[in-house]
C-alpha atoms as a PDB file:
ATOM      1  CA  UNK A   1      23.832  -1.423 -13.715  1.00  0.00           C
ATOM      2  CA  UNK A   2      21.965  -0.307 -10.532  1.00  0.00           C
ATOM      3  CA  UNK A   3      24.233   3.244  -9.998  1.00  0.00           C
ATOM      4  CA  UNK A   4      24.353   3.627 -13.324  1.00  0.00           C
ATOM      5  CA  UNK A   5      20.968   4.082 -13.861  1.00  0.00           C
ATOM      6  CA  UNK A   6      20.534   5.575 -10.367  1.00  0.00           C
ATOM      7  CA  UNK A   7      22.784   8.376 -11.981  1.00  0.00           C
ATOM      8  CA  UNK A   8      20.969   8.920 -15.181  1.00  0.00           C
ATOM      9  CA  UNK A   9      17.221   8.692 -13.123  1.00  0.00           C
ATOM     10  CA  UNK A  10      19.272  11.588 -11.296  1.00  0.00           C
ATOM     11  CA  UNK A  11      20.054  13.771 -14.232  1.00  0.00           C
ATOM     12  CA  UNK A  12      17.082  13.476 -15.975  1.00  0.00           C
ATOM     13  CA  UNK A  13      15.062  14.088 -12.946  1.00  0.00           C
ATOM     14  CA  UNK A  14      17.030  17.922 -12.192  1.00  0.00           C
ATOM     15  CA  UNK A  15      16.070  18.726 -15.898  1.00  0.00           C
ATOM     16  CA  UNK A  16      12.555  18.195 -15.197  1.00  0.00           C
ATOM     17  CA  UNK A  17      12.314  19.186 -11.306  1.00  0.00           C
ATOM     18  CA  UNK A  18      13.454  22.767 -13.137  1.00  0.00           C
ATOM     19  CA  UNK A  19      11.075  22.859 -16.337  1.00  0.00           C
ATOM     20  CA  UNK A  20       7.909  21.630 -14.343  1.00  0.00           C
ATOM     21  CA  UNK A  21       8.503  24.261 -11.946  1.00  0.00           C
ATOM     22  CA  UNK A  22       7.727  26.422 -13.793  1.00  0.00           C
ATOM     23  CA  UNK A  23       4.310  25.582 -15.623  1.00  0.00           C
ATOM     24  CA  UNK A  24       0.392  25.334 -13.637  1.00  0.00           C
ATOM     25  CA  UNK A  25      -0.293  21.470 -12.963  1.00  0.00           C
ATOM     26  CA  UNK A  26      -3.604  21.824 -12.044  1.00  0.00           C
ATOM     27  CA  UNK A  27      -4.909  19.686 -15.352  1.00  0.00           C
ATOM     28  CA  UNK A  28      -8.644  17.783 -16.158  1.00  0.00           C
ATOM     29  CA  UNK A  29     -10.644  15.190 -18.705  1.00  0.00           C
ATOM     30  CA  UNK A  30     -13.149  16.762 -20.129  1.00  0.00           C
ATOM     31  CA  UNK A  31     -16.272  14.866 -19.961  1.00  0.00           C
ATOM     32  CA  UNK A  32     -19.450  13.924 -21.104  1.00  0.00           C
ATOM     33  CA  UNK A  33     -21.646  15.917 -18.821  1.00  0.00           C
ATOM     34  CA  UNK A  34     -25.084  13.659 -19.846  1.00  0.00           C
ATOM     35  CA  UNK A  35     -23.548  10.017 -18.252  1.00  0.00           C
ATOM     36  CA  UNK A  36     -26.009   8.292 -15.707  1.00  0.00           C
ATOM     37  CA  UNK A  37     -23.509   5.921 -14.152  1.00  0.00           C
ATOM     38  CA  UNK A  38     -25.466   2.935 -12.535  1.00  0.00           C
ATOM     39  CA  UNK A  39     -23.958   1.708  -8.844  1.00  0.00           C
ATOM     40  CA  UNK A  40     -24.266  -1.641  -9.221  1.00  0.00           C
ATOM     41  CA  UNK A  41     -22.536  -1.859 -12.342  1.00  0.00           C
ATOM     42  CA  UNK A  42     -19.937   0.177 -11.024  1.00  0.00           C
ATOM     43  CA  UNK A  43     -20.134  -1.982  -7.814  1.00  0.00           C
ATOM     44  CA  UNK A  44     -19.283  -4.979  -9.767  1.00  0.00           C
ATOM     45  CA  UNK A  45     -16.204  -3.126 -11.716  1.00  0.00           C
ATOM     46  CA  UNK A  46     -15.269  -2.535  -8.719  1.00  0.00           C
ATOM     47  CA  UNK A  47     -14.087  -5.841  -7.422  1.00  0.00           C
ATOM     48  CA  UNK A  48     -13.499  -7.049 -11.394  1.00  0.00           C
ATOM     49  CA  UNK A  49     -10.625  -3.863 -11.469  1.00  0.00           C
ATOM     50  CA  UNK A  50      -8.455  -4.303  -7.477  1.00  0.00           C
ATOM     51  CA  UNK A  51     -10.547  -1.675  -6.523  1.00  0.00           C
ATOM     52  CA  UNK A  52     -12.024  -2.684  -3.432  1.00  0.00           C
ATOM     53  CA  UNK A  53      -9.376  -5.180  -2.966  1.00  0.00           C
ATOM     54  CA  UNK A  54      -5.894  -2.486  -3.006  1.00  0.00           C
ATOM     55  CA  UNK A  55      -7.963  -0.190  -1.382  1.00  0.00           C
ATOM     56  CA  UNK A  56      -9.049  -1.869   1.586  1.00  0.00           C
ATOM     57  CA  UNK A  57      -7.019  -3.392   4.319  1.00  0.00           C
ATOM     58  CA  UNK A  58      -8.732  -6.388   4.340  1.00  0.00           C
ATOM     59  CA  UNK A  59      -6.782  -8.464   6.615  1.00  0.00           C
ATOM     60  CA  UNK A  60      -5.944  -5.904   9.437  1.00  0.00           C
ATOM     61  CA  UNK A  61     -10.414  -5.401   9.287  1.00  0.00           C
ATOM     62  CA  UNK A  62      -9.756  -2.026   6.811  1.00  0.00           C
ATOM     63  CA  UNK A  63     -13.466  -0.003   5.804  1.00  0.00           C
ATOM     64  CA  UNK A  64     -13.596  -0.232   2.682  1.00  0.00           C
ATOM     65  CA  UNK A  65     -11.811   1.113   0.536  1.00  0.00           C
ATOM     66  CA  UNK A  66      -9.726   3.620   3.049  1.00  0.00           C
ATOM     67  CA  UNK A  67      -6.841   2.949   1.941  1.00  0.00           C
ATOM     68  CA  UNK A  68      -4.989  -0.214   1.186  1.00  0.00           C
ATOM     69  CA  UNK A  69      -2.086  -2.460   2.729  1.00  0.00           C
ATOM     70  CA  UNK A  70       1.752  -1.757   2.175  1.00  0.00           C
ATOM     71  CA  UNK A  71       2.759  -3.313  -1.270  1.00  0.00           C
ATOM     72  CA  UNK A  72       6.440  -3.239  -0.877  1.00  0.00           C
ATOM     73  CA  UNK A  73       8.293  -3.369  -4.366  1.00  0.00           C
ATOM     74  CA  UNK A  74      12.202  -3.055  -5.291  1.00  0.00           C
ATOM     75  CA  UNK A  75      11.248   0.811  -5.175  1.00  0.00           C
ATOM     76  CA  UNK A  76      10.382   1.142  -2.151  1.00  0.00           C
ATOM     77  CA  UNK A  77       6.920   0.325  -0.474  1.00  0.00           C
ATOM     78  CA  UNK A  78       3.548   2.498  -1.682  1.00  0.00           C
ATOM     79  CA  UNK A  79       0.733   2.509  -0.057  1.00  0.00           C
ATOM     80  CA  UNK A  80      -3.018   2.925  -2.001  1.00  0.00           C
ATOM     81  CA  UNK A  81      -4.625   5.959  -0.310  1.00  0.00           C
ATOM     82  CA  UNK A  82      -7.766   5.925   1.267  1.00  0.00           C
ATOM     83  CA  UNK A  83     -10.845   6.168  -1.488  1.00  0.00           C
ATOM     84  CA  UNK A  84     -14.551   6.707   0.429  1.00  0.00           C
ATOM     85  CA  UNK A  85     -15.621   9.801  -0.225  1.00  0.00           C
ATOM     86  CA  UNK A  86     -14.058  12.176   2.859  1.00  0.00           C
ATOM     87  CA  UNK A  87     -13.327  15.671   1.425  1.00  0.00           C
ATOM     88  CA  UNK A  88      -9.991  15.867   3.100  1.00  0.00           C
ATOM     89  CA  UNK A  89      -8.853  12.467   3.208  1.00  0.00           C
ATOM     90  CA  UNK A  90     -10.648  10.718   0.344  1.00  0.00           C
ATOM     91  CA  UNK A  91     -12.403  11.605  -3.223  1.00  0.00           C
ATOM     92  CA  UNK A  92     -15.508  13.765  -1.486  1.00  0.00           C
ATOM     93  CA  UNK A  93     -13.817  16.595  -2.453  1.00  0.00           C
ATOM     94  CA  UNK A  94     -13.748  15.609  -6.833  1.00  0.00           C
ATOM     95  CA  UNK A  95     -15.583  16.045  -9.792  1.00  0.00           C
ATOM     96  CA  UNK A  96     -15.875  13.058 -12.356  1.00  0.00           C
ATOM     97  CA  UNK A  97     -13.432  14.860 -14.762  1.00  0.00           C
ATOM     98  CA  UNK A  98     -10.516  15.276 -12.223  1.00  0.00           C
ATOM     99  CA  UNK A  99     -11.753  10.893 -10.664  1.00  0.00           C
ATOM    100  CA  UNK A 100     -11.442  10.522 -14.864  1.00  0.00           C
ATOM    101  CA  UNK A 101      -8.344  12.667 -15.460  1.00  0.00           C
ATOM    102  CA  UNK A 102      -6.977  10.012 -12.162  1.00  0.00           C
ATOM    103  CA  UNK A 103      -8.245   6.876 -13.327  1.00  0.00           C
ATOM    104  CA  UNK A 104      -7.256   7.097 -17.532  1.00  0.00           C
ATOM    105  CA  UNK A 105      -4.590   9.806 -16.783  1.00  0.00           C
ATOM    106  CA  UNK A 106      -2.275   8.850 -14.151  1.00  0.00           C
ATOM    107  CA  UNK A 107      -2.993  12.295 -12.659  1.00  0.00           C
ATOM    108  CA  UNK A 108      -4.059  14.005  -9.116  1.00  0.00           C
ATOM    109  CA  UNK A 109      -6.540  16.977  -9.400  1.00  0.00           C
ATOM    110  CA  UNK A 110      -2.985  19.392  -8.553  1.00  0.00           C
ATOM    111  CA  UNK A 111      -1.645  18.135 -11.906  1.00  0.00           C
ATOM    112  CA  UNK A 112       0.735  15.201 -10.043  1.00  0.00           C
ATOM    113  CA  UNK A 113       1.674  12.066 -11.740  1.00  0.00           C
ATOM    114  CA  UNK A 114       0.508   8.875  -9.755  1.00  0.00           C
ATOM    115  CA  UNK A 115       2.931   6.118  -9.823  1.00  0.00           C
ATOM    116  CA  UNK A 116       2.778   3.200 -11.653  1.00  0.00           C
ATOM    117  CA  UNK A 117       1.567   1.078  -8.757  1.00  0.00           C
ATOM    118  CA  UNK A 118      -1.929   2.416  -8.955  1.00  0.00           C
ATOM    119  CA  UNK A 119      -2.761   0.288 -13.245  1.00  0.00           C
ATOM    120  CA  UNK A 120      -4.125   3.315 -14.922  1.00  0.00           C
ATOM    121  CA  UNK A 121      -1.547   2.420 -17.811  1.00  0.00           C
ATOM    122  CA  UNK A 122      -4.376   0.291 -18.178  1.00  0.00           C
ATOM    123  CA  UNK A 123      -7.589   1.792 -16.920  1.00  0.00           C
ATOM    124  CA  UNK A 124      -6.708   4.372 -19.787  1.00  0.00           C
ATOM    125  CA  UNK A 125      -9.167   1.615 -21.767  1.00  0.00           C
ATOM    126  CA  UNK A 126     -11.832   2.265 -19.654  1.00  0.00           C
ATOM    127  CA  UNK A 127     -15.225   3.734 -21.508  1.00  0.00           C
ATOM    128  CA  UNK A 128     -16.415   7.126 -20.276  1.00  0.00           C
ATOM    129  CA  UNK A 129     -19.825   4.784 -19.778  1.00  0.00           C
ATOM    130  CA  UNK A 130     -18.004   2.633 -17.193  1.00  0.00           C
ATOM    131  CA  UNK A 131     -15.733   6.274 -15.813  1.00  0.00           C
ATOM    132  CA  UNK A 132     -19.387   7.103 -14.529  1.00  0.00           C
ATOM    133  CA  UNK A 133     -20.767   3.751 -13.316  1.00  0.00           C
ATOM    134  CA  UNK A 134     -17.101   3.158 -10.774  1.00  0.00           C
ATOM    135  CA  UNK A 135     -18.148   7.665 -10.269  1.00  0.00           C
ATOM    136  CA  UNK A 136     -21.795   6.607  -9.300  1.00  0.00           C
ATOM    137  CA  UNK A 137     -20.538   2.926  -6.434  1.00  0.00           C
ATOM    138  CA  UNK A 138     -17.929   5.614  -5.258  1.00  0.00           C
ATOM    139  CA  UNK A 139     -20.537   8.012  -4.072  1.00  0.00           C
ATOM    140  CA  UNK A 140     -22.008   5.909  -2.495  1.00  0.00           C
ATOM    141  CA  UNK A 141     -19.149   4.216  -0.288  1.00  0.00           C
ATOM    142  CA  UNK A 142     -19.247   6.519   3.848  1.00  0.00           C
ATOM    143  CA  UNK A 143     -16.547   8.556   4.250  1.00  0.00           C
ATOM    144  CA  UNK A 144     -13.744   7.327   6.355  1.00  0.00           C
ATOM    145  CA  UNK A 145     -11.506  10.067   8.082  1.00  0.00           C
ATOM    146  CA  UNK A 146      -8.091   8.516   8.505  1.00  0.00           C
ATOM    147  CA  UNK A 147      -4.913   9.610   5.623  1.00  0.00           C
ATOM    148  CA  UNK A 148      -2.765   6.538   4.377  1.00  0.00           C
ATOM    149  CA  UNK A 149       0.217   6.727   4.777  1.00  0.00           C
ATOM    150  CA  UNK A 150       2.769   7.967   2.759  1.00  0.00           C
ATOM    151  CA  UNK A 151       4.515   6.687   0.286  1.00  0.00           C
ATOM    152  CA  UNK A 152       8.705   4.668   1.668  1.00  0.00           C
ATOM    153  CA  UNK A 153      10.509   5.272  -2.125  1.00  0.00           C
ATOM    154  CA  UNK A 154      14.652   4.974  -2.782  1.00  0.00           C
ATOM    155  CA  UNK A 155      15.635   7.587  -4.274  1.00  0.00           C
ATOM    156  CA  UNK A 156      15.419   8.328  -7.083  1.00  0.00           C
ATOM    157  CA  UNK A 157      11.931   7.232  -7.094  1.00  0.00           C
ATOM    158  CA  UNK A 158      10.770   9.437  -4.323  1.00  0.00           C
ATOM    159  CA  UNK A 159      10.653  13.203  -6.381  1.00  0.00           C
ATOM    160  CA  UNK A 160       7.539  12.348  -7.764  1.00  0.00           C
ATOM    161  CA  UNK A 161       8.614  14.569 -10.702  1.00  0.00           C
ATOM    162  CA  UNK A 162      10.525  11.926 -12.393  1.00  0.00           C
ATOM    163  CA  UNK A 163       6.946  10.654 -13.529  1.00  0.00           C
ATOM    164  CA  UNK A 164       6.650  13.139 -16.203  1.00  0.00           C
ATOM    165  CA  UNK A 165       9.118  11.647 -18.122  1.00  0.00           C
ATOM    166  CA  UNK A 166       8.660   8.466 -17.091  1.00  0.00           C
ATOM    167  CA  UNK A 167       4.665   9.440 -18.494  1.00  0.00           C
ATOM    168  CA  UNK A 168       6.642  10.367 -21.524  1.00  0.00           C
ATOM    169  CA  UNK A 169       8.437   7.413 -22.463  1.00  0.00           C
ATOM    170  CA  UNK A 170       5.814   4.449 -21.599  1.00  0.00           C
ATOM    171  CA  UNK A 171       2.628   6.090 -21.188  1.00  0.00           C
ATOM    172  CA  UNK A 172      -0.012   7.437 -23.576  1.00  0.00           C
ATOM    173  CA  UNK A 173      -3.383   7.753 -23.052  1.00  0.00           C
ATOM    174  CA  UNK A 174      -5.669   5.437 -25.122  1.00  0.00           C
ATOM    175  CA  UNK A 175      -9.347   4.104 -25.082  1.00  0.00           C
ATOM    176  CA  UNK A 176     -10.850   0.293 -25.989  1.00  0.00           C
ATOM    177  CA  UNK A 177     -11.431  -0.517 -30.017  1.00  0.00           C
ATOM    178  CA  UNK A 178     -12.929  -4.343 -30.271  1.00  0.00           C
ATOM    179  CA  UNK A 179     -11.988  -6.152 -33.442  1.00  0.00           C
ATOM    180  CA  UNK A 180     -14.448  -5.958 -36.020  1.00  0.00           C
ATOM    181  CA  UNK A 181     -12.644  -9.566 -37.216  1.00  0.00           C
ATOM    182  CA  UNK A 182     -13.285 -11.063 -34.210  1.00  0.00           C
ATOM    183  CA  UNK A 183     -16.347 -12.106 -32.118  1.00  0.00           C
ATOM    184  CA  UNK A 184     -18.608 -10.633 -29.253  1.00  0.00           C
ATOM    185  CA  UNK A 185     -16.632 -12.912 -26.662  1.00  0.00           C
ATOM    186  CA  UNK A 186     -13.142 -12.681 -27.707  1.00  0.00           C
ATOM    187  CA  UNK A 187     -13.500  -9.288 -27.656  1.00  0.00           C
ATOM    188  CA  UNK A 188     -15.294  -8.734 -24.091  1.00  0.00           C
ATOM    189  CA  UNK A 189     -12.456 -10.609 -23.253  1.00  0.00           C
ATOM    190  CA  UNK A 190      -9.800  -8.407 -24.380  1.00  0.00           C
ATOM    191  CA  UNK A 191     -11.564  -5.786 -23.304  1.00  0.00           C
ATOM    192  CA  UNK A 192     -11.582  -7.250 -19.306  1.00  0.00           C
ATOM    193  CA  UNK A 193      -8.148  -8.418 -19.879  1.00  0.00           C
ATOM    194  CA  UNK A 194      -6.564  -5.526 -21.488  1.00  0.00           C
ATOM    195  CA  UNK A 195      -8.007  -2.363 -19.427  1.00  0.00           C
ATOM    196  CA  UNK A 196     -10.611  -4.200 -15.788  1.00  0.00           C
ATOM    197  CA  UNK A 197      -8.139  -6.524 -14.712  1.00  0.00           C
ATOM    198  CA  UNK A 198      -5.314  -5.429 -16.132  1.00  0.00           C
ATOM    199  CA  UNK A 199      -3.776  -9.390 -16.015  1.00  0.00           C
ATOM    200  CA  UNK A 200      -0.288  -7.977 -17.870  1.00  0.00           C
ATOM    201  CA  UNK A 201       0.298  -5.439 -14.838  1.00  0.00           C
ATOM    202  CA  UNK A 202       1.208  -9.010 -13.301  1.00  0.00           C
ATOM    203  CA  UNK A 203       2.230 -11.015 -15.774  1.00  0.00           C
ATOM    204  CA  UNK A 204       3.941  -9.311 -18.153  1.00  0.00           C
ATOM    205  CA  UNK A 205       7.619  -8.595 -18.872  1.00  0.00           C
ATOM    206  CA  UNK A 206       8.996  -5.402 -17.723  1.00  0.00           C
ATOM    207  CA  UNK A 207      12.298  -3.738 -18.512  1.00  0.00           C
ATOM    208  CA  UNK A 208      14.462  -1.853 -15.719  1.00  0.00           C
ATOM    209  CA  UNK A 209      11.679   0.869 -15.224  1.00  0.00           C
ATOM    210  CA  UNK A 210       9.630  -1.493 -14.367  1.00  0.00           C
ATOM    211  CA  UNK A 211       7.334  -0.311 -17.649  1.00  0.00           C
ATOM    212  CA  UNK A 212       6.151  -2.940 -19.406  1.00  0.00           C
ATOM    213  CA  UNK A 213       7.477  -4.474 -22.640  1.00  0.00           C
ATOM    214  CA  UNK A 214       3.769  -4.292 -24.514  1.00  0.00           C
ATOM    215  CA  UNK A 215       5.401  -7.413 -26.753  1.00  0.00           C
ATOM    216  CA  UNK A 216       5.135  -9.820 -24.218  1.00  0.00           C
ATOM    217  CA  UNK A 217       2.478  -8.749 -22.200  1.00  0.00           C
ATOM    218  CA  UNK A 218       1.269 -11.673 -20.910  1.00  0.00           C
ATOM    219  CA  UNK A 219       4.972 -13.692 -20.816  1.00  0.00           C
ATOM    220  CA  UNK A 220       5.444 -13.919 -17.287  1.00  0.00           C
ATOM    221  CA  UNK A 221       8.116 -12.890 -15.213  1.00  0.00           C
ATOM    222  CA  UNK A 222      10.201 -11.141 -12.344  1.00  0.00           C
ATOM    223  CA  UNK A 223       6.994 -10.462 -10.048  1.00  0.00           C
ATOM    224  CA  UNK A 224       7.856  -6.623  -9.136  1.00  0.00           C
ATOM    225  CA  UNK A 225       5.907  -7.511  -5.417  1.00  0.00           C
ATOM    226  CA  UNK A 226       8.005  -8.954  -2.848  1.00  0.00           C
ATOM    227  CA  UNK A 227       7.909 -12.709  -1.574  1.00  0.00           C
ATOM    228  CA  UNK A 228       6.114 -13.197  -5.076  1.00  0.00           C
ATOM    229  CA  UNK A 229       9.028 -15.357  -6.880  1.00  0.00           C
ATOM    230  CA  UNK A 230       8.604 -15.408 -10.392  1.00  0.00           C
ATOM    231  CA  UNK A 231       4.900 -14.637 -12.325  1.00  0.00           C
ATOM    232  CA  UNK A 232       4.006 -17.369 -15.173  1.00  0.00           C
ATOM    233  CA  UNK A 233       3.275 -16.701 -18.716  1.00  0.00           C
ATOM    234  CA  UNK A 234      -0.059 -16.669 -19.404  1.00  0.00           C
ATOM    235  CA  UNK A 235       0.215 -17.193 -23.421  1.00  0.00           C
ATOM    236  CA  UNK A 236      -2.087 -19.692 -25.222  1.00  0.00           C
ATOM    237  CA  UNK A 237       1.235 -21.584 -25.452  1.00  0.00           C
ATOM    238  CA  UNK A 238       2.220 -21.586 -21.799  1.00  0.00           C
ATOM    239  CA  UNK A 239      -1.461 -22.205 -21.034  1.00  0.00           C
ATOM    240  CA  UNK A 240      -2.100 -25.112 -23.392  1.00  0.00           C
ATOM    241  CA  UNK A 241       2.046 -26.912 -22.245  1.00  0.00           C
ATOM    242  CA  UNK A 242       0.380 -26.939 -18.170  1.00  0.00           C
ATOM    243  CA  UNK A 243      -2.956 -28.794 -19.971  1.00  0.00           C
ATOM    244  CA  UNK A 244      -5.525 -25.895 -19.487  1.00  0.00           C
ATOM    245  CA  UNK A 245      -8.691 -25.651 -21.149  1.00  0.00           C
ATOM    246  CA  UNK A 246     -10.890 -22.526 -21.772  1.00  0.00           C
ATOM    247  CA  UNK A 247     -13.152 -24.157 -19.067  1.00  0.00           C
ATOM    248  CA  UNK A 248     -10.616 -25.234 -16.950  1.00  0.00           C
ATOM    249  CA  UNK A 249      -9.028 -21.479 -16.819  1.00  0.00           C
ATOM    250  CA  UNK A 250     -12.786 -19.594 -16.304  1.00  0.00           C
ATOM    251  CA  UNK A 251     -13.281 -22.103 -13.336  1.00  0.00           C
ATOM    252  CA  UNK A 252     -10.183 -21.438 -11.695  1.00  0.00           C
ATOM    253  CA  UNK A 253     -11.322 -17.680 -11.585  1.00  0.00           C
ATOM    254  CA  UNK A 254     -13.928 -18.471  -9.865  1.00  0.00           C
ATOM    255  CA  UNK A 255     -13.037 -20.362  -7.223  1.00  0.00           C
ATOM    256  CA  UNK A 256      -9.012 -20.732  -7.632  1.00  0.00           C
ATOM    257  CA  UNK A 257      -8.343 -23.871  -7.993  1.00  0.00           C
ATOM    258  CA  UNK A 258      -6.670 -24.772 -10.863  1.00  0.00           C
ATOM    259  CA  UNK A 259      -6.573 -28.169 -13.018  1.00  0.00           C
ATOM    260  CA  UNK A 260      -4.553 -30.359 -11.264  1.00  0.00           C
ATOM    261  CA  UNK A 261      -6.060 -29.408  -8.015  1.00  0.00           C
ATOM    262  CA  UNK A 262      -4.148 -27.622  -6.425  1.00  0.00           C
ATOM    263  CA  UNK A 263      -4.796 -24.013  -4.716  1.00  0.00           C
ATOM    264  CA  UNK A 264      -3.645 -20.134  -6.489  1.00  0.00           C
ATOM    265  CA  UNK A 265      -1.457 -19.042  -3.841  1.00  0.00           C
ATOM    266  CA  UNK A 266       0.292 -15.648  -2.899  1.00  0.00           C
ATOM    267  CA  UNK A 267      -0.927 -12.308  -4.695  1.00  0.00           C
ATOM    268  CA  UNK A 268      -3.759 -14.805  -7.942  1.00  0.00           C
ATOM    269  CA  UNK A 269      -5.590 -15.703  -4.683  1.00  0.00           C
ATOM    270  CA  UNK A 270      -6.379 -12.701  -3.883  1.00  0.00           C
ATOM    271  CA  UNK A 271      -7.235 -11.625  -7.420  1.00  0.00           C
ATOM    272  CA  UNK A 272      -9.959 -13.751  -7.223  1.00  0.00           C
ATOM    273  CA  UNK A 273     -11.034 -14.513  -3.643  1.00  0.00           C
ATOM    274  CA  UNK A 274     -11.858 -10.433  -3.452  1.00  0.00           C
ATOM    275  CA  UNK A 275     -12.151 -10.147  -7.281  1.00  0.00           C
ATOM    276  CA  UNK A 276     -12.948 -12.242 -10.018  1.00  0.00           C
ATOM    277  CA  UNK A 277     -14.665 -14.266  -7.562  1.00  0.00           C
ATOM    278  CA  UNK A 278     -17.101 -11.876  -8.042  1.00  0.00           C
ATOM    279  CA  UNK A 279     -17.431 -12.012 -11.772  1.00  0.00           C
ATOM    280  CA  UNK A 280     -20.270 -13.240 -13.992  1.00  0.00           C
ATOM    281  CA  UNK A 281     -19.223 -16.209 -15.698  1.00  0.00           C
ATOM    282  CA  UNK A 282     -19.458 -15.307 -19.230  1.00  0.00           C
ATOM    283  CA  UNK A 283     -16.977 -12.639 -18.367  1.00  0.00           C
ATOM    284  CA  UNK A 284     -14.815 -15.143 -16.927  1.00  0.00           C
ATOM    285  CA  UNK A 285     -15.530 -17.193 -20.414  1.00  0.00           C
ATOM    286  CA  UNK A 286     -14.615 -14.115 -22.234  1.00  0.00           C
ATOM    287  CA  UNK A 287     -11.285 -14.073 -20.196  1.00  0.00           C
ATOM    288  CA  UNK A 288     -10.556 -17.499 -21.061  1.00  0.00           C
ATOM    289  CA  UNK A 289     -11.235 -16.886 -24.705  1.00  0.00           C
ATOM    290  CA  UNK A 290      -8.500 -13.649 -25.024  1.00  0.00           C
ATOM    291  CA  UNK A 291      -6.267 -15.825 -22.938  1.00  0.00           C
ATOM    292  CA  UNK A 292      -6.429 -18.737 -24.490  1.00  0.00           C
ATOM    293  CA  UNK A 293      -5.707 -17.232 -28.170  1.00  0.00           C
ATOM    294  CA  UNK A 294      -2.825 -14.716 -27.083  1.00  0.00           C
ATOM    295  CA  UNK A 295       1.037 -15.329 -28.415  1.00  0.00           C
END
């Protein structure tokens, strides 16, 4: 099965590479020129969305946003890049339009597609104001003149041009739309879960191309991170069946302790320690409220 998949992908990639080589790759996103970003709100979002946790090698004492630790997956090893204001190795030479394009379209300033290890498939739902706030916060980060290591990926995943196929099949640019029939708490939770905290990135079921099953976004499955094993489902039925309540879940996301007294381990422990522990209680309650209503 794996050989057939590799052969199929290889054939598709040859077609795509030929087509792509004849086209200009420089693209950009239109972005409102009158938006002013808020540094404090952007810093909050950077914590909540995992930017700091993924793009900082915290265990090795790395500088903030100067590049993250290795992410070992079945496709190879990914390294989150430098997001400091360094103009050569970071994003100091970018415009806000290019930043918005990277975050919400999964494309670099040169038009290269990003691997979905970077969860732009969720960040595409971020609002213009959130993008402006994040940009304002990142613009305050001191430059670190250090390049992140190159991804170490197996064939054919190391052929970045193949991401054109992947995006055309599995990615649609979108913006979050609140449901008028739901409460403010539900919609806030939906916005956070579906974009900012991207819970389904770990807790969703995926196909052989690592694309999320949109019909089962919280059904759990095998983790794509080495050594993680199976990730539990976080549907309402799965959570309530294990004794979770909304208050238990909101508290666990704040302190890292489950309702039975055990502590979160692995990557979920890191999510709490470097991300959700810094979130406002009302936001954690909104996340819990939303998840406890999902099938």
